Amino acid sequence: MTDVHGAAVEAAVEGELRLLQPQVRSSAELLAQLLHPQFREFGASGRHWDRTSIIESLVSGEDAGPRPVVVSRIDGVQLAPDLVHLTFDTEYNGSHAHRSSLWRLTEDGWQMYFHQATPFTPEAE
């Protein structure tokens, strides 16, 4: 990420990429550091998640597991001093998703507040 976006966007991108790392996804403690207490997600599967349910799912291995996730077109904008919006695409095991997340600055640092994934077919783009 270049300096054109600023430190807040860079911190959110760093957090987003950390959330894709297997060692983070398998640690309730590391996930809790990155996910806001009021976290909500609308997953690519259509399922609605809250902080507790996503941490339990990831740590228990219900999630797809270790990833080589390919991230592309990541971009961000700082909407307020304590709020960053990121958009990006992912490809994992042949599945593609447009992703959007909101990151809030808290006393504990930048935490993901909201995430949404929408499946797409690259050929339709």
C-alpha atoms as a PDB file:
ATOM      1  CA  MET A   1       0.000   0.000   0.000  1.00  0.00           C
ATOM      2  CA  THR A   2       1.372   3.408  -0.861  1.00  0.00           C
ATOM      3  CA  ASP A   3       1.476   6.482   1.333  1.00  0.00           C
ATOM      4  CA  VAL A   4      -1.169   8.126  -0.855  1.00  0.00           C
ATOM      5  CA  HIS A   5      -3.838   6.502   1.330  1.00  0.00           C
ATOM      6  CA  GLY A   6      -2.363   7.424   4.690  1.00  0.00           C
ATOM      7  CA  ALA A   7      -1.583   5.556   7.869  1.00  0.00           C
ATOM      8  CA  ALA A   8      -5.195   4.711   8.769  1.00  0.00           C
ATOM      9  CA  VAL A   9      -5.865   2.922   5.479  1.00  0.00           C
ATOM     10  CA  GLU A  10      -2.507   1.160   5.689  1.00  0.00           C
ATOM     11  CA  ALA A  11      -3.320  -0.057   9.220  1.00  0.00           C
ATOM     12  CA  ALA A  12      -6.693  -1.393   8.052  1.00  0.00           C
ATOM     13  CA  VAL A  13      -5.101  -3.167   5.072  1.00  0.00           C
ATOM     14  CA  GLU A  14      -2.502  -4.702   7.387  1.00  0.00           C
ATOM     15  CA  GLY A  15      -5.271  -5.951   9.707  1.00  0.00           C
ATOM     16  CA  GLU A  16      -7.282  -7.308   6.784  1.00  0.00           C
ATOM     17  CA  LEU A  17      -4.306  -9.269   5.470  1.00  0.00           C
ATOM     18  CA  ARG A  18      -3.497 -10.572   8.951  1.00  0.00           C
ATOM     19  CA  LEU A  19      -7.027 -11.973   9.201  1.00  0.00           C
ATOM     20  CA  LEU A  20      -6.258 -14.173   6.187  1.00  0.00           C
ATOM     21  CA  GLN A  21      -3.192 -15.750   7.808  1.00  0.00           C
ATOM     22  CA  PRO A  22      -3.699 -19.331   9.072  1.00  0.00           C
ATOM     23  CA  GLN A  23      -1.942 -18.643  12.398  1.00  0.00           C
ATOM     24  CA  VAL A  24      -4.332 -15.746  13.081  1.00  0.00           C
ATOM     25  CA  ARG A  25      -7.432 -17.634  11.913  1.00  0.00           C
ATOM     26  CA  SER A  26      -6.648 -20.482  14.315  1.00  0.00           C
ATOM     27  CA  SER A  27      -6.132 -18.264  17.387  1.00  0.00           C
ATOM     28  CA  ALA A  28      -9.115 -16.956  19.348  1.00  0.00           C
ATOM     29  CA  GLU A  29      -6.816 -14.444  21.055  1.00  0.00           C
ATOM     30  CA  LEU A  30      -5.441 -13.004  17.801  1.00  0.00           C
ATOM     31  CA  LEU A  31      -8.890 -12.903  16.213  1.00  0.00           C
ATOM     32  CA  ALA A  32     -10.308 -11.098  19.260  1.00  0.00           C
ATOM     33  CA  GLN A  33      -7.608  -8.445  18.904  1.00  0.00           C
ATOM     34  CA  LEU A  34      -8.634  -7.754  15.297  1.00  0.00           C
ATOM     35  CA  LEU A  35     -12.429  -8.077  15.521  1.00  0.00           C
ATOM     36  CA  HIS A  36     -14.472  -5.321  17.133  1.00  0.00           C
ATOM     37  CA  PRO A  37     -16.740  -6.466  20.005  1.00  0.00           C
ATOM     38  CA  GLN A  38     -19.779  -5.494  17.861  1.00  0.00           C
ATOM     39  CA  PHE A  39     -18.428  -7.195  14.709  1.00  0.00           C
ATOM     40  CA  ARG A  40     -20.946  -8.409  12.122  1.00  0.00           C
ATOM     41  CA  GLU A  41     -20.445 -10.179   8.798  1.00  0.00           C
ATOM     42  CA  PHE A  42     -22.565 -11.217   5.847  1.00  0.00           C
ATOM     43  CA  GLY A  43     -20.499 -14.069   4.429  1.00  0.00           C
ATOM     44  CA  ALA A  44     -20.166 -15.220   0.826  1.00  0.00           C
ATOM     45  CA  SER A  45     -22.288 -18.219   1.835  1.00  0.00           C
ATOM     46  CA  GLY A  46     -25.131 -15.894   2.813  1.00  0.00           C
ATOM     47  CA  ARG A  47     -24.641 -16.666   6.490  1.00  0.00           C
ATOM     48  CA  HIS A  48     -24.740 -13.899   9.090  1.00  0.00           C
ATOM     49  CA  TRP A  49     -21.926 -13.953  11.654  1.00  0.00           C
ATOM     50  CA  ASP A  50     -21.227 -12.083  14.864  1.00  0.00           C
ATOM     51  CA  ARG A  51     -17.882 -11.890  16.642  1.00  0.00           C
ATOM     52  CA  THR A  52     -18.455 -14.935  18.848  1.00  0.00           C
ATOM     53  CA  SER A  53     -19.755 -17.188  16.075  1.00  0.00           C
ATOM     54  CA  ILE A  54     -17.000 -16.340  13.591  1.00  0.00           C
ATOM     55  CA  ILE A  55     -14.238 -16.835  16.171  1.00  0.00           C
ATOM     56  CA  GLU A  56     -15.728 -20.193  17.219  1.00  0.00           C
ATOM     57  CA  SER A  57     -16.052 -21.308  13.600  1.00  0.00           C
ATOM     58  CA  LEU A  58     -12.523 -20.306  12.623  1.00  0.00           C
ATOM     59  CA  VAL A  59     -10.835 -21.763  15.709  1.00  0.00           C
ATOM     60  CA  SER A  60     -12.786 -25.048  15.496  1.00  0.00           C
ATOM     61  CA  GLY A  61     -11.743 -25.536  11.891  1.00  0.00           C
ATOM     62  CA  GLU A  62     -15.260 -25.230  10.424  1.00  0.00           C
ATOM     63  CA  ASP A  63     -13.848 -22.620   8.083  1.00  0.00           C
ATOM     64  CA  ALA A  64     -12.145 -23.691   4.871  1.00  0.00           C
ATOM     65  CA  GLY A  65      -8.836 -23.798   6.706  1.00  0.00           C
ATOM     66  CA  PRO A  66      -5.379 -22.752   5.678  1.00  0.00           C
ATOM     67  CA  ARG A  67      -5.612 -20.618   2.653  1.00  0.00           C
ATOM     68  CA  PRO A  68      -3.645 -19.569  -0.153  1.00  0.00           C
ATOM     69  CA  VAL A  69      -6.071 -16.719  -0.702  1.00  0.00           C
ATOM     70  CA  VAL A  70      -5.248 -14.416  -3.572  1.00  0.00           C
ATOM     71  CA  VAL A  71      -6.131 -10.813  -2.756  1.00  0.00           C
ATOM     72  CA  SER A  72      -6.444  -8.278  -5.552  1.00  0.00           C
ATOM     73  CA  ARG A  73      -7.673  -4.742  -6.200  1.00  0.00           C
ATOM     74  CA  ILE A  74      -7.428  -3.765  -2.534  1.00  0.00           C
ATOM     75  CA  ASP A  75      -8.258  -0.122  -1.968  1.00  0.00           C
ATOM     76  CA  GLY A  76      -9.368   1.979   0.949  1.00  0.00           C
ATOM     77  CA  VAL A  77     -10.645   5.345   2.008  1.00  0.00           C
ATOM     78  CA  GLN A  78     -10.674   6.994   5.410  1.00  0.00           C
ATOM     79  CA  LEU A  79     -14.284   8.064   6.013  1.00  0.00           C
ATOM     80  CA  ALA A  80     -13.671   9.690   9.410  1.00  0.00           C
ATOM     81  CA  PRO A  81     -10.742   9.946  11.844  1.00  0.00           C
ATOM     82  CA  ASP A  82     -11.733   6.588  13.341  1.00  0.00           C
ATOM     83  CA  LEU A  83     -13.285   4.811  10.330  1.00  0.00           C
ATOM     84  CA  VAL A  84     -11.786   3.195   7.208  1.00  0.00           C
ATOM     85  CA  HIS A  85     -13.642   1.446   4.377  1.00  0.00           C
ATOM     86  CA  LEU A  86     -11.763  -1.227   2.390  1.00  0.00           C
ATOM     87  CA  THR A  87     -12.800  -2.975  -0.810  1.00  0.00           C
ATOM     88  CA  PHE A  88     -10.998  -5.853  -2.508  1.00  0.00           C
ATOM     89  CA  ASP A  89     -11.440  -9.140  -4.320  1.00  0.00           C
ATOM     90  CA  THR A  90     -10.388 -12.608  -3.243  1.00  0.00           C
ATOM     91  CA  GLU A  91      -9.921 -15.911  -4.993  1.00  0.00           C
ATOM     92  CA  TYR A  92      -9.780 -19.118  -2.969  1.00  0.00           C
ATOM     93  CA  ASN A  93      -9.963 -22.611  -4.380  1.00  0.00           C
ATOM     94  CA  GLY A  94     -11.652 -21.357  -7.564  1.00  0.00           C
ATOM     95  CA  SER A  95     -14.238 -19.210  -5.752  1.00  0.00           C
ATOM     96  CA  HIS A  96     -14.212 -15.437  -6.180  1.00  0.00           C
ATOM     97  CA  ALA A  97     -15.715 -12.773  -3.918  1.00  0.00           C
ATOM     98  CA  HIS A  98     -15.946  -9.002  -3.865  1.00  0.00           C
ATOM     99  CA  ARG A  99     -15.292  -7.914  -0.280  1.00  0.00           C
ATOM    100  CA  SER A 100     -16.006  -4.804   1.724  1.00  0.00           C
ATOM    101  CA  SER A 101     -15.055  -4.081   5.312  1.00  0.00           C
ATOM    102  CA  LEU A 102     -15.251  -1.269   7.825  1.00  0.00           C
ATOM    103  CA  TRP A 103     -12.424  -0.777  10.319  1.00  0.00           C
ATOM    104  CA  ARG A 104     -12.820   1.316  13.475  1.00  0.00           C
ATOM    105  CA  LEU A 105     -10.073   2.817  15.573  1.00  0.00           C
ATOM    106  CA  THR A 106     -10.528   1.772  19.209  1.00  0.00           C
ATOM    107  CA  GLU A 107      -8.466   1.972  22.383  1.00  0.00           C
ATOM    108  CA  ASP A 108      -7.061  -1.422  21.289  1.00  0.00           C
ATOM    109  CA  GLY A 109      -6.107  -0.218  17.778  1.00  0.00           C
ATOM    110  CA  TRP A 110      -7.813  -0.765  14.433  1.00  0.00           C
ATOM    111  CA  GLN A 111     -10.499  -3.465  14.542  1.00  0.00           C
ATOM    112  CA  MET A 112     -12.809  -4.830  11.875  1.00  0.00           C
ATOM    113  CA  TYR A 113     -16.337  -3.669  12.631  1.00  0.00           C
ATOM    114  CA  PHE A 114     -18.191  -5.030   9.582  1.00  0.00           C
ATOM    115  CA  HIS A 115     -17.435  -7.335   6.649  1.00  0.00           C
ATOM    116  CA  GLN A 116     -19.415  -8.436   3.619  1.00  0.00           C
ATOM    117  CA  ALA A 117     -18.474 -10.880   0.866  1.00  0.00           C
ATOM    118  CA  THR A 118     -20.389 -11.219  -2.388  1.00  0.00           C
ATOM    119  CA  PRO A 119     -19.573 -14.145  -4.692  1.00  0.00           C
ATOM    120  CA  PHE A 120     -18.932 -13.365  -8.340  1.00  0.00           C
ATOM    121  CA  THR A 121     -17.921 -15.101 -11.533  1.00  0.00           C
ATOM    122  CA  PRO A 122     -14.922 -13.484 -13.214  1.00  0.00           C
ATOM    123  CA  GLU A 123     -16.306 -14.233 -16.677  1.00  0.00           C
ATOM    124  CA  ALA A 124     -19.369 -12.099 -15.860  1.00  0.00           C
ATOM    125  CA  GLU A 125     -17.213  -9.092 -14.977  1.00  0.00           C
END
